[in-house]
Protein backbone atom coordinates (compact mmCIF):
# COMPACT_ATOMS: atom_id res chain seq x y z
CA UNK A 1 -1.28 27.84 0.64
CA UNK A 2 -1.24 24.12 1.69
CA UNK A 3 2.31 23.43 0.70
CA UNK A 4 3.42 26.60 2.89
CA UNK A 5 1.36 25.40 5.70
CA UNK A 6 3.09 21.78 5.52
CA UNK A 7 6.34 23.24 5.21
CA UNK A 8 5.77 25.55 8.28
CA UNK A 9 4.65 22.53 10.42
CA UNK A 10 7.56 20.28 9.48
CA UNK A 11 10.36 23.05 9.23
CA UNK A 12 12.32 21.56 12.49
CA UNK A 13 12.05 18.03 10.89
CA UNK A 14 15.29 17.05 9.02
CA UNK A 15 13.66 13.54 7.37
CA UNK A 16 10.58 15.31 5.67
CA UNK A 17 10.51 17.07 2.21
CA UNK A 18 7.35 18.72 0.85
CA UNK A 19 6.82 18.77 -2.91
CA UNK A 20 4.05 20.04 -5.30
CA UNK A 21 4.00 17.89 -8.19
CA UNK A 22 1.76 15.40 -10.27
CA UNK A 23 2.80 11.66 -8.87
CA UNK A 24 3.66 10.88 -12.38
CA UNK A 25 5.96 13.66 -12.60
CA UNK A 26 7.76 13.44 -9.61
CA UNK A 27 11.30 11.95 -9.68
CA UNK A 28 11.26 8.94 -7.46
CA UNK A 29 14.18 6.50 -7.42
CA UNK A 30 13.21 2.76 -7.67
CA UNK A 31 13.01 1.16 -4.16
CA UNK A 32 13.38 4.52 -2.48
CA UNK A 33 10.29 4.59 0.05
CA UNK A 34 9.59 2.65 3.08
CA UNK A 35 5.93 4.01 3.08
CA UNK A 36 3.85 5.95 0.77
CA UNK A 37 0.32 7.29 2.02
CA UNK A 38 -2.27 8.43 -0.28
CA UNK A 39 -4.52 10.57 2.18
CA UNK A 40 -7.80 11.65 0.60
CA UNK A 41 -6.43 11.81 -2.94
CA UNK A 42 -6.83 8.45 -4.76
CA UNK A 43 -10.06 9.12 -6.37
CA UNK A 44 -8.62 12.25 -7.87
CA UNK A 45 -5.71 10.28 -9.90
CA UNK A 46 -6.89 10.42 -13.60
CA UNK A 47 -4.75 7.58 -14.57
CA UNK A 48 -4.82 5.38 -11.37
CA UNK A 49 -3.04 2.45 -13.27
CA UNK A 50 0.01 4.79 -14.04
CA UNK A 51 -0.01 6.40 -10.59
CA UNK A 52 0.10 2.93 -8.96
CA UNK A 53 2.91 1.74 -11.53
CA UNK A 54 5.13 4.67 -10.32
CA UNK A 55 4.53 4.34 -6.72
CA UNK A 56 4.90 0.50 -6.68
CA UNK A 57 8.24 0.95 -8.35
CA UNK A 58 9.17 3.66 -5.71
CA UNK A 59 8.63 1.17 -2.94
CA UNK A 60 11.38 -0.57 -1.01
CA UNK A 61 10.86 -4.56 -1.21
CA UNK A 62 9.45 -4.40 2.32
CA UNK A 63 7.78 -1.32 1.97
CA UNK A 64 3.85 -0.37 1.98
CA UNK A 65 1.24 1.64 0.26
CA UNK A 66 -1.87 2.91 2.23
CA UNK A 67 -4.88 4.57 0.77
CA UNK A 68 -6.85 6.38 3.48
CA UNK A 69 -10.04 8.49 3.73
CA UNK A 70 -11.69 9.74 6.77
CA UNK A 71 -15.23 8.44 5.23
CA UNK A 72 -16.30 5.35 3.77
CA UNK A 73 -16.23 4.25 0.16
CA UNK A 74 -19.88 4.93 -0.51
CA UNK A 75 -19.69 8.53 1.32
CA UNK A 76 -16.59 9.48 -0.80
CA UNK A 77 -18.35 8.56 -4.12
CA UNK A 78 -21.69 10.01 -3.18
CA UNK A 79 -20.07 13.28 -2.00
CA UNK A 80 -17.81 13.31 -5.39
CA UNK A 81 -21.20 12.75 -7.44
CA UNK A 82 -23.20 15.26 -5.76
CA UNK A 83 -20.55 18.02 -5.95
CA UNK A 84 -21.37 19.27 -9.22
CA UNK A 85 -17.61 20.42 -9.88
CA UNK A 86 -14.57 19.05 -11.31
CA UNK A 87 -14.58 16.37 -8.82
CA UNK A 88 -18.15 14.89 -9.70
CA UNK A 89 -16.43 12.19 -11.85
CA UNK A 90 -13.40 11.34 -9.33
CA UNK A 91 -14.74 8.00 -7.95
CA UNK A 92 -13.17 5.58 -5.66
CA UNK A 93 -12.95 2.25 -7.74
CA UNK A 94 -14.89 -0.85 -6.30
CA UNK A 95 -12.85 -3.38 -4.22
CA UNK A 96 -12.63 -5.97 -7.27
CA UNK A 97 -11.29 -3.23 -9.54
CA UNK A 98 -9.01 -2.04 -6.77
CA UNK A 99 -7.56 -5.62 -6.42
CA UNK A 100 -7.05 -5.71 -10.28
CA UNK A 101 -5.44 -2.26 -10.43
CA UNK A 102 -2.93 -3.20 -7.48
CA UNK A 103 -2.22 -6.62 -8.75
CA UNK A 104 -1.68 -5.46 -12.17
CA UNK A 105 0.98 -2.74 -11.14
CA UNK A 106 3.05 -5.01 -8.57
CA UNK A 107 1.06 -4.67 -5.47
CA UNK A 108 -0.66 -6.97 -3.19
CA UNK A 109 -3.65 -5.68 -1.38
CA UNK A 110 -3.04 -6.91 2.48
CA UNK A 111 -6.37 -5.62 3.55
CA UNK A 112 -9.14 -3.04 2.94
CA UNK A 113 -11.22 -1.74 6.03
CA UNK A 114 -14.53 0.23 4.90
CA UNK A 115 -16.89 1.33 7.66
CA UNK A 116 -18.29 4.45 9.43
CA UNK A 117 -14.90 5.32 10.49
CA UNK A 118 -13.39 5.61 6.64
CA UNK A 119 -11.67 3.72 3.94
CA UNK A 120 -8.41 2.13 4.66
CA UNK A 121 -6.23 0.04 2.17
CA UNK A 122 -2.89 -1.37 3.00
CA UNK A 123 -0.91 -2.93 0.02
CA UNK A 124 2.60 -4.64 -0.12
CA UNK A 125 4.80 -5.31 -3.17
CA UNK A 126 4.37 -8.48 -4.52
CA UNK A 127 6.23 -11.53 -2.74
CA UNK A 128 8.49 -11.80 -5.67
CA UNK A 129 9.86 -8.66 -4.87
CA UNK A 130 10.30 -9.16 -1.10
CA UNK A 131 13.64 -10.25 0.40
């Protein structure tokens, strides 16, 4: 349903493609993307390190990876914990763990904003990959 709605909304845009796939299974070329946005999905990745490795490789050297939620870190985890459903174990990692995960997968966190307006993380490929 959501894929159909997204395709409908972007039908007139030539530079947009909509796919339904697990990130780890999606065929991405190395250095293919300028920007990758993980909007309200990061806690739901089962193997976050594997996903970040895949996304890191797919970024251009000057690319950017963004993790964004409309609610704060604490609200995300509290909401999931209380859900009592399949998402109750889907947690956002603490800031130190995020730094470790991103660093270990070839990304450097540029900044993390976490306040009443939401959670916003921006990361860049490590300097060694930049031109």
